[in-house]
Amino acid sequence: MNQLHYSSELAVPSISLSMKVLFVCIGNTCRSPMAEAILKHLVLKHNLQDWYVDSAGLRDWNVGLEPQARGQLLLKQHGLKTNHLGRLIVPQDFYDYDYIFAMDNSNLSELQQMATRLSPSPKCNILLLGSYIGRKEDEIIQDPYFSQGMGGFNTAYLQILESCERFVENYQMENKI
């Protein structure tokens, strides 16, 4: 039985999980909640057991709020949904997660700086989500918040989907699933 864990839970469960993934963007309202919903869908699709997937922001602007409406609409158009409420990344996240994925270089730099200030040094992998696409021009997932209409959200969605698919493929190959 798949155990999907949602952001409404207060902390990552202490039970042994095969993979814990956190997506991070600046405000936790556009890109990271979309990534969370997409990866949760892929986890179910590929019958991956005991994955914990969540998202967080680097700023507290959207703590306790639902994701941006255009992102929710786009997820719905693809048969996905989210019940995520915005939250802020906290130091414990660096110890609780196997992977922390940033959406752009600014996010990545800030996450890396946060991790270097922690003691003991966390063992999590802090990476650009878009690096899984394998095309340098697509590795930065631009923030669609200030874009007009749905174009920026569509672009971000496609980049996130391809990145998450590649991440799952790599996991399956490495673990011979």
N, C-alpha and C. Protein backbone atom coordinates (compact mmCIF):
# COMPACT_ATOMS: atom_id res chain seq x y z
N MET A 1 0.84 -1.18 0.00
CA MET A 1 0.00 0.00 0.00
C MET A 1 0.88 1.24 0.00
N ASN A 2 0.65 2.15 -0.94
CA ASN A 2 1.40 3.40 -0.99
C ASN A 2 1.05 4.27 0.19
N GLN A 3 2.05 4.88 0.76
CA GLN A 3 1.83 5.82 1.85
C GLN A 3 2.28 7.19 1.38
N LEU A 4 1.32 8.01 0.94
CA LEU A 4 1.64 9.37 0.56
C LEU A 4 1.46 10.24 1.78
N HIS A 5 2.38 11.13 1.98
CA HIS A 5 2.35 11.99 3.15
C HIS A 5 2.19 13.42 2.69
N TYR A 6 1.31 14.14 3.34
CA TYR A 6 0.95 15.47 2.88
C TYR A 6 1.49 16.55 3.80
N SER A 7 1.56 17.75 3.26
CA SER A 7 2.14 18.87 3.97
C SER A 7 1.33 19.29 5.19
N SER A 8 0.12 18.80 5.33
CA SER A 8 -0.67 19.14 6.50
C SER A 8 -0.14 18.45 7.76
N GLU A 9 0.72 17.42 7.54
CA GLU A 9 1.35 16.77 8.67
C GLU A 9 2.43 17.69 9.21
N LEU A 10 2.65 17.64 10.50
CA LEU A 10 3.57 18.58 11.12
C LEU A 10 5.03 18.26 10.88
N ALA A 11 5.36 17.02 10.70
CA ALA A 11 6.77 16.65 10.53
C ALA A 11 6.87 15.38 9.70
N VAL A 12 8.05 15.16 9.16
CA VAL A 12 8.29 13.93 8.42
C VAL A 12 8.21 12.78 9.42
N PRO A 13 7.44 11.74 9.10
CA PRO A 13 7.33 10.61 10.03
C PRO A 13 8.70 9.98 10.30
N SER A 14 8.85 9.46 11.49
CA SER A 14 10.13 8.85 11.85
C SER A 14 10.26 7.42 11.32
N ILE A 15 9.18 6.87 10.75
CA ILE A 15 9.28 5.53 10.18
C ILE A 15 10.23 5.55 8.99
N SER A 16 10.75 4.41 8.66
CA SER A 16 11.69 4.30 7.55
C SER A 16 10.94 4.49 6.23
N LEU A 17 11.37 5.46 5.47
CA LEU A 17 10.80 5.73 4.15
C LEU A 17 11.90 5.54 3.12
N SER A 18 11.53 5.05 1.95
CA SER A 18 12.55 4.82 0.93
C SER A 18 13.03 6.11 0.28
N MET A 19 12.20 7.15 0.27
CA MET A 19 12.60 8.41 -0.36
C MET A 19 11.79 9.56 0.23
N LYS A 20 12.50 10.63 0.57
CA LYS A 20 11.86 11.85 1.08
C LYS A 20 12.34 13.02 0.23
N VAL A 21 11.38 13.70 -0.41
CA VAL A 21 11.70 14.76 -1.37
C VAL A 21 10.98 16.03 -0.97
N LEU A 22 11.74 17.14 -0.98
CA LEU A 22 11.18 18.46 -0.69
C LEU A 22 11.49 19.38 -1.87
N PHE A 23 10.46 20.03 -2.39
CA PHE A 23 10.62 21.02 -3.45
C PHE A 23 10.56 22.41 -2.83
N VAL A 24 11.46 23.29 -3.26
CA VAL A 24 11.53 24.62 -2.68
C VAL A 24 11.60 25.68 -3.77
N CYS A 25 10.78 26.71 -3.61
CA CYS A 25 10.88 27.91 -4.43
C CYS A 25 10.78 29.11 -3.49
N ILE A 26 10.73 30.28 -4.03
CA ILE A 26 10.79 31.48 -3.19
C ILE A 26 9.57 31.59 -2.26
N GLY A 27 8.36 31.41 -2.79
CA GLY A 27 7.18 31.67 -1.98
C GLY A 27 6.28 30.49 -1.68
N ASN A 28 6.58 29.32 -2.26
CA ASN A 28 5.78 28.12 -2.05
C ASN A 28 4.33 28.33 -2.46
N THR A 29 4.16 28.96 -3.63
CA THR A 29 2.81 29.16 -4.13
C THR A 29 2.63 28.75 -5.59
N CYS A 30 3.69 28.68 -6.37
CA CYS A 30 3.59 28.32 -7.80
C CYS A 30 4.34 27.04 -8.12
N ARG A 31 5.65 27.16 -8.25
CA ARG A 31 6.46 26.05 -8.76
C ARG A 31 6.54 24.87 -7.79
N SER A 32 6.88 25.12 -6.53
CA SER A 32 7.09 23.99 -5.63
C SER A 32 5.80 23.22 -5.33
N PRO A 33 4.63 23.87 -5.16
CA PRO A 33 3.42 23.06 -4.99
C PRO A 33 3.05 22.26 -6.25
N MET A 34 3.33 22.84 -7.44
CA MET A 34 3.08 22.07 -8.67
C MET A 34 3.99 20.85 -8.70
N ALA A 35 5.27 21.03 -8.35
CA ALA A 35 6.21 19.91 -8.34
C ALA A 35 5.77 18.84 -7.35
N GLU A 36 5.32 19.26 -6.18
CA GLU A 36 4.83 18.32 -5.17
C GLU A 36 3.69 17.48 -5.73
N ALA A 37 2.70 18.13 -6.35
CA ALA A 37 1.54 17.41 -6.89
C ALA A 37 1.95 16.47 -8.02
N ILE A 38 2.85 16.93 -8.88
CA ILE A 38 3.30 16.11 -10.01
C ILE A 38 4.04 14.87 -9.51
N LEU A 39 4.97 15.05 -8.57
CA LEU A 39 5.72 13.89 -8.09
C LEU A 39 4.81 12.93 -7.32
N LYS A 40 3.86 13.43 -6.56
CA LYS A 40 2.93 12.54 -5.86
C LYS A 40 2.15 11.69 -6.87
N HIS A 41 1.76 12.32 -8.00
CA HIS A 41 1.07 11.57 -9.05
C HIS A 41 1.97 10.49 -9.63
N LEU A 42 3.23 10.83 -9.89
CA LEU A 42 4.17 9.85 -10.46
C LEU A 42 4.47 8.71 -9.49
N VAL A 43 4.52 9.02 -8.21
CA VAL A 43 4.73 8.00 -7.18
C VAL A 43 3.61 6.96 -7.25
N LEU A 44 2.38 7.43 -7.36
CA LEU A 44 1.25 6.51 -7.48
C LEU A 44 1.30 5.74 -8.80
N LYS A 45 1.57 6.47 -9.88
CA LYS A 45 1.61 5.86 -11.22
C LYS A 45 2.63 4.73 -11.29
N HIS A 46 3.78 4.92 -10.66
CA HIS A 46 4.86 3.93 -10.72
C HIS A 46 4.87 2.99 -9.52
N ASN A 47 3.83 3.09 -8.68
CA ASN A 47 3.68 2.21 -7.53
C ASN A 47 4.94 2.20 -6.64
N LEU A 48 5.46 3.37 -6.39
CA LEU A 48 6.63 3.49 -5.52
C LEU A 48 6.15 3.54 -4.07
N GLN A 49 6.73 2.72 -3.26
CA GLN A 49 6.28 2.58 -1.88
C GLN A 49 6.98 3.57 -0.94
N ASP A 50 6.24 4.07 -0.03
CA ASP A 50 6.78 4.82 1.11
C ASP A 50 7.61 6.04 0.74
N TRP A 51 7.10 6.83 -0.16
CA TRP A 51 7.74 8.11 -0.48
C TRP A 51 7.03 9.22 0.28
N TYR A 52 7.78 10.16 0.75
CA TYR A 52 7.23 11.36 1.40
C TYR A 52 7.58 12.54 0.51
N VAL A 53 6.60 13.29 0.08
CA VAL A 53 6.79 14.41 -0.83
C VAL A 53 6.12 15.65 -0.25
N ASP A 54 6.84 16.76 -0.24
CA ASP A 54 6.31 18.01 0.30
C ASP A 54 6.95 19.17 -0.45
N SER A 55 6.53 20.37 -0.13
CA SER A 55 7.14 21.57 -0.70
C SER A 55 7.15 22.66 0.37
N ALA A 56 8.05 23.62 0.15
CA ALA A 56 8.21 24.71 1.11
C ALA A 56 8.73 25.94 0.37
N GLY A 57 8.70 27.08 1.06
CA GLY A 57 9.20 28.32 0.50
C GLY A 57 10.35 28.89 1.30
N LEU A 58 11.09 29.76 0.67
CA LEU A 58 12.19 30.46 1.33
C LEU A 58 11.72 31.73 2.03
N ARG A 59 10.52 32.20 1.72
CA ARG A 59 9.94 33.37 2.36
C ARG A 59 8.58 32.99 2.94
N ASP A 60 8.16 33.72 3.93
CA ASP A 60 6.92 33.36 4.64
C ASP A 60 5.66 34.01 4.07
N TRP A 61 5.73 34.57 2.87
CA TRP A 61 4.61 35.29 2.28
C TRP A 61 3.33 34.47 2.18
N ASN A 62 3.44 33.17 1.96
CA ASN A 62 2.26 32.34 1.66
C ASN A 62 2.03 31.23 2.67
N VAL A 63 2.63 31.37 3.84
CA VAL A 63 2.46 30.35 4.88
C VAL A 63 0.97 30.23 5.23
N GLY A 64 0.47 28.99 5.18
CA GLY A 64 -0.92 28.72 5.51
C GLY A 64 -1.90 28.98 4.38
N LEU A 65 -1.42 29.42 3.23
CA LEU A 65 -2.30 29.74 2.11
C LEU A 65 -2.25 28.65 1.04
N GLU A 66 -3.33 28.53 0.28
CA GLU A 66 -3.38 27.60 -0.84
C GLU A 66 -2.45 28.09 -1.95
N PRO A 67 -2.00 27.19 -2.81
CA PRO A 67 -1.17 27.60 -3.95
C PRO A 67 -1.91 28.58 -4.87
N GLN A 68 -1.14 29.27 -5.68
CA GLN A 68 -1.64 30.25 -6.63
C GLN A 68 -2.73 29.63 -7.51
N ALA A 69 -3.79 30.36 -7.75
CA ALA A 69 -4.96 29.84 -8.46
C ALA A 69 -4.64 29.33 -9.86
N ARG A 70 -3.75 30.02 -10.59
CA ARG A 70 -3.42 29.56 -11.94
C ARG A 70 -2.70 28.22 -11.91
N GLY A 71 -1.87 28.00 -10.92
CA GLY A 71 -1.20 26.71 -10.77
C GLY A 71 -2.20 25.61 -10.46
N GLN A 72 -3.15 25.91 -9.59
CA GLN A 72 -4.18 24.92 -9.26
C GLN A 72 -5.03 24.59 -10.48
N LEU A 73 -5.37 25.61 -11.27
CA LEU A 73 -6.15 25.39 -12.49
C LEU A 73 -5.39 24.50 -13.46
N LEU A 74 -4.11 24.77 -13.64
CA LEU A 74 -3.30 23.96 -14.55
C LEU A 74 -3.20 22.52 -14.07
N LEU A 75 -2.99 22.32 -12.78
CA LEU A 75 -2.96 20.96 -12.23
C LEU A 75 -4.28 20.25 -12.52
N LYS A 76 -5.39 20.95 -12.29
CA LYS A 76 -6.72 20.37 -12.53
C LYS A 76 -6.89 19.98 -14.00
N GLN A 77 -6.38 20.82 -14.92
CA GLN A 77 -6.47 20.52 -16.35
C GLN A 77 -5.71 19.23 -16.70
N HIS A 78 -4.73 18.89 -15.89
CA HIS A 78 -3.94 17.66 -16.11
C HIS A 78 -4.39 16.52 -15.19
N GLY A 79 -5.55 16.68 -14.57
CA GLY A 79 -6.09 15.63 -13.72
C GLY A 79 -5.41 15.50 -12.37
N LEU A 80 -4.72 16.55 -11.94
CA LEU A 80 -4.03 16.55 -10.65
C LEU A 80 -4.65 17.57 -9.73
N LYS A 81 -4.38 17.41 -8.44
CA LYS A 81 -4.85 18.40 -7.48
C LYS A 81 -3.85 18.48 -6.35
N THR A 82 -3.99 19.52 -5.58
CA THR A 82 -3.13 19.69 -4.41
C THR A 82 -3.97 20.14 -3.23
N ASN A 83 -3.61 19.64 -2.07
CA ASN A 83 -4.23 20.12 -0.84
C ASN A 83 -3.17 20.84 0.01
N HIS A 84 -2.09 21.22 -0.65
CA HIS A 84 -0.96 21.85 0.04
C HIS A 84 -1.33 23.23 0.58
N LEU A 85 -0.82 23.52 1.75
CA LEU A 85 -0.86 24.87 2.30
C LEU A 85 0.59 25.32 2.46
N GLY A 86 0.85 26.55 2.04
CA GLY A 86 2.21 27.07 2.04
C GLY A 86 2.88 26.94 3.40
N ARG A 87 4.17 26.64 3.34
CA ARG A 87 4.97 26.58 4.56
C ARG A 87 6.37 27.06 4.27
N LEU A 88 7.08 27.40 5.31
CA LEU A 88 8.44 27.89 5.23
C LEU A 88 9.41 26.75 5.48
N ILE A 89 10.50 26.70 4.73
CA ILE A 89 11.52 25.69 5.00
C ILE A 89 12.12 25.97 6.38
N VAL A 90 12.44 24.92 7.11
CA VAL A 90 13.02 25.05 8.44
C VAL A 90 14.31 24.22 8.49
N PRO A 91 15.22 24.54 9.40
CA PRO A 91 16.49 23.80 9.46
C PRO A 91 16.33 22.28 9.53
N GLN A 92 15.33 21.78 10.23
CA GLN A 92 15.15 20.34 10.35
C GLN A 92 14.92 19.67 9.00
N ASP A 93 14.37 20.41 8.04
CA ASP A 93 14.14 19.84 6.71
C ASP A 93 15.43 19.31 6.09
N PHE A 94 16.54 19.96 6.36
CA PHE A 94 17.82 19.54 5.77
C PHE A 94 18.28 18.19 6.31
N TYR A 95 17.75 17.79 7.44
CA TYR A 95 18.08 16.48 8.03
C TYR A 95 17.02 15.43 7.70
N ASP A 96 15.79 15.89 7.47
CA ASP A 96 14.68 14.96 7.25
C ASP A 96 14.54 14.47 5.82
N TYR A 97 15.04 15.23 4.85
CA TYR A 97 14.82 14.90 3.44
C TYR A 97 16.08 14.35 2.79
N ASP A 98 15.87 13.42 1.84
CA ASP A 98 16.97 12.89 1.04
C ASP A 98 17.36 13.87 -0.07
N TYR A 99 16.36 14.49 -0.67
CA TYR A 99 16.56 15.46 -1.74
C TYR A 99 15.79 16.73 -1.44
N ILE A 100 16.46 17.86 -1.63
CA ILE A 100 15.80 19.16 -1.60
C ILE A 100 16.06 19.77 -2.97
N PHE A 101 14.99 19.98 -3.72
CA PHE A 101 15.10 20.49 -5.08
C PHE A 101 14.74 21.97 -5.14
N ALA A 102 15.66 22.75 -5.67
CA ALA A 102 15.45 24.18 -5.92
C ALA A 102 14.96 24.36 -7.35
N MET A 103 14.24 25.45 -7.57
CA MET A 103 13.70 25.72 -8.90
C MET A 103 14.62 26.59 -9.76
N ASP A 104 15.46 27.40 -9.13
CA ASP A 104 16.36 28.27 -9.89
C ASP A 104 17.65 28.47 -9.11
N ASN A 105 18.60 29.15 -9.72
CA ASN A 105 19.92 29.32 -9.09
C ASN A 105 19.87 30.13 -7.81
N SER A 106 19.00 31.10 -7.73
CA SER A 106 18.86 31.89 -6.51
C SER A 106 18.38 31.02 -5.36
N ASN A 107 17.36 30.19 -5.63
CA ASN A 107 16.86 29.24 -4.61
C ASN A 107 17.97 28.29 -4.20
N LEU A 108 18.69 27.77 -5.19
CA LEU A 108 19.76 26.80 -4.93
C LEU A 108 20.84 27.42 -4.04
N SER A 109 21.27 28.62 -4.38
CA SER A 109 22.31 29.30 -3.61
C SER A 109 21.88 29.53 -2.17
N GLU A 110 20.65 29.98 -2.00
CA GLU A 110 20.14 30.24 -0.64
C GLU A 110 20.04 28.95 0.17
N LEU A 111 19.57 27.88 -0.46
CA LEU A 111 19.49 26.59 0.24
C LEU A 111 20.88 26.08 0.63
N GLN A 112 21.82 26.20 -0.28
CA GLN A 112 23.19 25.76 0.02
C GLN A 112 23.79 26.57 1.16
N GLN A 113 23.55 27.88 1.17
CA GLN A 113 24.04 28.72 2.25
C GLN A 113 23.41 28.33 3.58
N MET A 114 22.11 28.07 3.57
CA MET A 114 21.43 27.64 4.79
C MET A 114 22.04 26.35 5.31
N ALA A 115 22.30 25.41 4.41
CA ALA A 115 22.84 24.10 4.81
C ALA A 115 24.23 24.24 5.40
N THR A 116 25.06 25.13 4.85
CA THR A 116 26.43 25.27 5.36
C THR A 116 26.48 25.85 6.76
N ARG A 117 25.41 26.52 7.18
CA ARG A 117 25.36 27.09 8.53
C ARG A 117 24.88 26.09 9.58
N LEU A 118 24.50 24.91 9.14
CA LEU A 118 23.96 23.91 10.06
C LEU A 118 25.06 22.99 10.57
N SER A 119 24.91 22.59 11.81
CA SER A 119 25.84 21.65 12.41
C SER A 119 25.05 20.63 13.22
N PRO A 120 25.27 19.34 12.99
CA PRO A 120 26.22 18.76 12.03
C PRO A 120 25.76 19.03 10.59
N SER A 121 26.66 18.85 9.66
CA SER A 121 26.35 19.08 8.25
C SER A 121 25.28 18.10 7.79
N PRO A 122 24.23 18.62 7.16
CA PRO A 122 23.19 17.71 6.66
C PRO A 122 23.70 16.88 5.49
N LYS A 123 23.10 15.71 5.32
CA LYS A 123 23.52 14.78 4.27
C LYS A 123 22.61 14.83 3.03
N CYS A 124 21.59 15.68 3.05
CA CYS A 124 20.65 15.72 1.94
C CYS A 124 21.32 16.23 0.66
N ASN A 125 20.75 15.84 -0.46
CA ASN A 125 21.20 16.32 -1.76
C ASN A 125 20.41 17.58 -2.09
N ILE A 126 21.10 18.68 -2.33
CA ILE A 126 20.46 19.95 -2.68
C ILE A 126 20.81 20.22 -4.14
N LEU A 127 19.80 20.15 -5.00
CA LEU A 127 20.01 20.21 -6.44
C LEU A 127 18.97 21.08 -7.13
N LEU A 128 19.29 21.50 -8.35
CA LEU A 128 18.29 22.11 -9.22
C LEU A 128 17.38 21.01 -9.76
N LEU A 129 16.09 21.15 -9.59
CA LEU A 129 15.18 20.15 -10.14
C LEU A 129 15.38 20.02 -11.65
N GLY A 130 15.52 21.14 -12.33
CA GLY A 130 15.65 21.13 -13.78
C GLY A 130 16.90 20.47 -14.30
N SER A 131 17.87 20.19 -13.43
CA SER A 131 19.09 19.52 -13.87
C SER A 131 18.79 18.10 -14.37
N TYR A 132 17.66 17.55 -13.98
CA TYR A 132 17.29 16.20 -14.44
C TYR A 132 16.82 16.19 -15.89
N ILE A 133 16.49 17.37 -16.44
CA ILE A 133 16.06 17.43 -17.84
C ILE A 133 17.22 17.09 -18.76
N GLY A 134 18.42 17.53 -18.38
CA GLY A 134 19.59 17.23 -19.19
C GLY A 134 19.85 18.22 -20.30
N ARG A 135 19.10 19.32 -20.32
CA ARG A 135 19.32 20.38 -21.29
C ARG A 135 19.59 21.67 -20.52
N LYS A 136 20.77 22.21 -20.69
CA LYS A 136 21.19 23.39 -19.93
C LYS A 136 20.16 24.52 -20.04
N GLU A 137 19.59 24.71 -21.21
CA GLU A 137 18.64 25.82 -21.43
C GLU A 137 17.33 25.64 -20.66
N ASP A 138 17.05 24.43 -20.18
CA ASP A 138 15.79 24.17 -19.48
C ASP A 138 15.96 23.90 -17.99
N GLU A 139 17.19 23.99 -17.48
CA GLU A 139 17.39 23.59 -16.08
C GLU A 139 16.86 24.62 -15.08
N ILE A 140 16.67 25.86 -15.49
CA ILE A 140 16.11 26.87 -14.60
C ILE A 140 14.60 26.92 -14.84
N ILE A 141 13.84 26.68 -13.79
CA ILE A 141 12.38 26.73 -13.89
C ILE A 141 11.97 28.11 -13.40
N GLN A 142 11.64 28.98 -14.36
CA GLN A 142 11.33 30.38 -14.06
C GLN A 142 10.04 30.50 -13.24
N ASP A 143 10.03 31.48 -12.37
CA ASP A 143 8.85 31.75 -11.55
C ASP A 143 7.74 32.33 -12.42
N PRO A 144 6.61 31.64 -12.53
CA PRO A 144 5.52 32.14 -13.38
C PRO A 144 4.60 33.14 -12.68
N TYR A 145 4.86 33.44 -11.42
CA TYR A 145 3.94 34.26 -10.62
C TYR A 145 3.59 35.58 -11.30
N PHE A 146 4.59 36.27 -11.85
CA PHE A 146 4.35 37.58 -12.44
C PHE A 146 4.04 37.53 -13.93
N SER A 147 3.95 36.34 -14.49
CA SER A 147 3.64 36.21 -15.92
C SER A 147 2.15 36.49 -16.15
N GLN A 148 1.86 36.92 -17.36
CA GLN A 148 0.47 37.15 -17.75
C GLN A 148 -0.14 35.85 -18.24
N GLY A 149 -1.37 35.60 -17.87
CA GLY A 149 -2.06 34.41 -18.36
C GLY A 149 -1.44 33.12 -17.85
N MET A 150 -1.54 32.09 -18.68
CA MET A 150 -1.11 30.76 -18.28
C MET A 150 0.21 30.32 -18.90
N GLY A 151 0.78 31.11 -19.81
CA GLY A 151 1.99 30.70 -20.52
C GLY A 151 3.14 30.31 -19.62
N GLY A 152 3.46 31.16 -18.63
CA GLY A 152 4.56 30.86 -17.71
C GLY A 152 4.29 29.62 -16.89
N PHE A 153 3.03 29.41 -16.51
CA PHE A 153 2.67 28.24 -15.72
C PHE A 153 2.77 26.97 -16.57
N ASN A 154 2.34 27.06 -17.85
CA ASN A 154 2.47 25.90 -18.74
C ASN A 154 3.92 25.50 -18.93
N THR A 155 4.78 26.49 -19.15
CA THR A 155 6.20 26.21 -19.32
C THR A 155 6.78 25.57 -18.07
N ALA A 156 6.49 26.15 -16.91
CA ALA A 156 7.00 25.60 -15.65
C ALA A 156 6.47 24.18 -15.44
N TYR A 157 5.20 23.95 -15.71
CA TYR A 157 4.60 22.63 -15.54
C TYR A 157 5.35 21.59 -16.37
N LEU A 158 5.59 21.90 -17.65
CA LEU A 158 6.26 20.94 -18.53
C LEU A 158 7.69 20.65 -18.07
N GLN A 159 8.41 21.69 -17.63
CA GLN A 159 9.76 21.48 -17.11
C GLN A 159 9.74 20.62 -15.85
N ILE A 160 8.81 20.92 -14.96
CA ILE A 160 8.70 20.17 -13.70
C ILE A 160 8.33 18.72 -13.99
N LEU A 161 7.37 18.51 -14.87
CA LEU A 161 6.95 17.15 -15.21
C LEU A 161 8.11 16.34 -15.77
N GLU A 162 8.82 16.90 -16.74
CA GLU A 162 9.94 16.17 -17.33
C GLU A 162 11.03 15.90 -16.29
N SER A 163 11.31 16.89 -15.44
CA SER A 163 12.33 16.71 -14.40
C SER A 163 11.93 15.61 -13.43
N CYS A 164 10.69 15.63 -12.98
CA CYS A 164 10.23 14.61 -12.03
C CYS A 164 10.22 13.22 -12.66
N GLU A 165 9.81 13.14 -13.93
CA GLU A 165 9.85 11.85 -14.62
C GLU A 165 11.27 11.30 -14.68
N ARG A 166 12.23 12.16 -15.00
CA ARG A 166 13.64 11.73 -15.07
C ARG A 166 14.16 11.34 -13.69
N PHE A 167 13.76 12.07 -12.66
CA PHE A 167 14.17 11.74 -11.29
C PHE A 167 13.67 10.35 -10.92
N VAL A 168 12.40 10.07 -11.20
CA VAL A 168 11.81 8.75 -10.90
C VAL A 168 12.51 7.67 -11.72
N GLU A 169 12.77 7.93 -12.99
CA GLU A 169 13.48 6.95 -13.84
C GLU A 169 14.86 6.64 -13.26
N ASN A 170 15.58 7.68 -12.85
CA ASN A 170 16.91 7.47 -12.26
C ASN A 170 16.81 6.64 -10.98
N TYR A 171 15.83 6.94 -10.15
CA TYR A 171 15.63 6.19 -8.90
C TYR A 171 15.36 4.72 -9.22
N GLN A 172 14.48 4.48 -10.18
CA GLN A 172 14.13 3.10 -10.54
C GLN A 172 15.33 2.34 -11.10
N MET A 173 16.14 3.01 -11.93
CA MET A 173 17.33 2.35 -12.49
C MET A 173 18.35 2.05 -11.38
N GLU A 174 18.59 3.01 -10.49
CA GLU A 174 19.55 2.82 -9.43
C GLU A 174 19.13 1.74 -8.45
N ASN A 175 17.82 1.60 -8.26
CA ASN A 175 17.30 0.62 -7.30
C ASN A 175 16.73 -0.61 -7.99
N LYS A 176 16.94 -0.72 -9.28
CA LYS A 176 16.51 -1.87 -10.09
C LYS A 176 15.04 -2.23 -9.86
N ILE A 177 14.21 -1.20 -9.97
CA ILE A 177 12.77 -1.38 -9.78
C ILE A 177 12.11 -1.55 -11.12
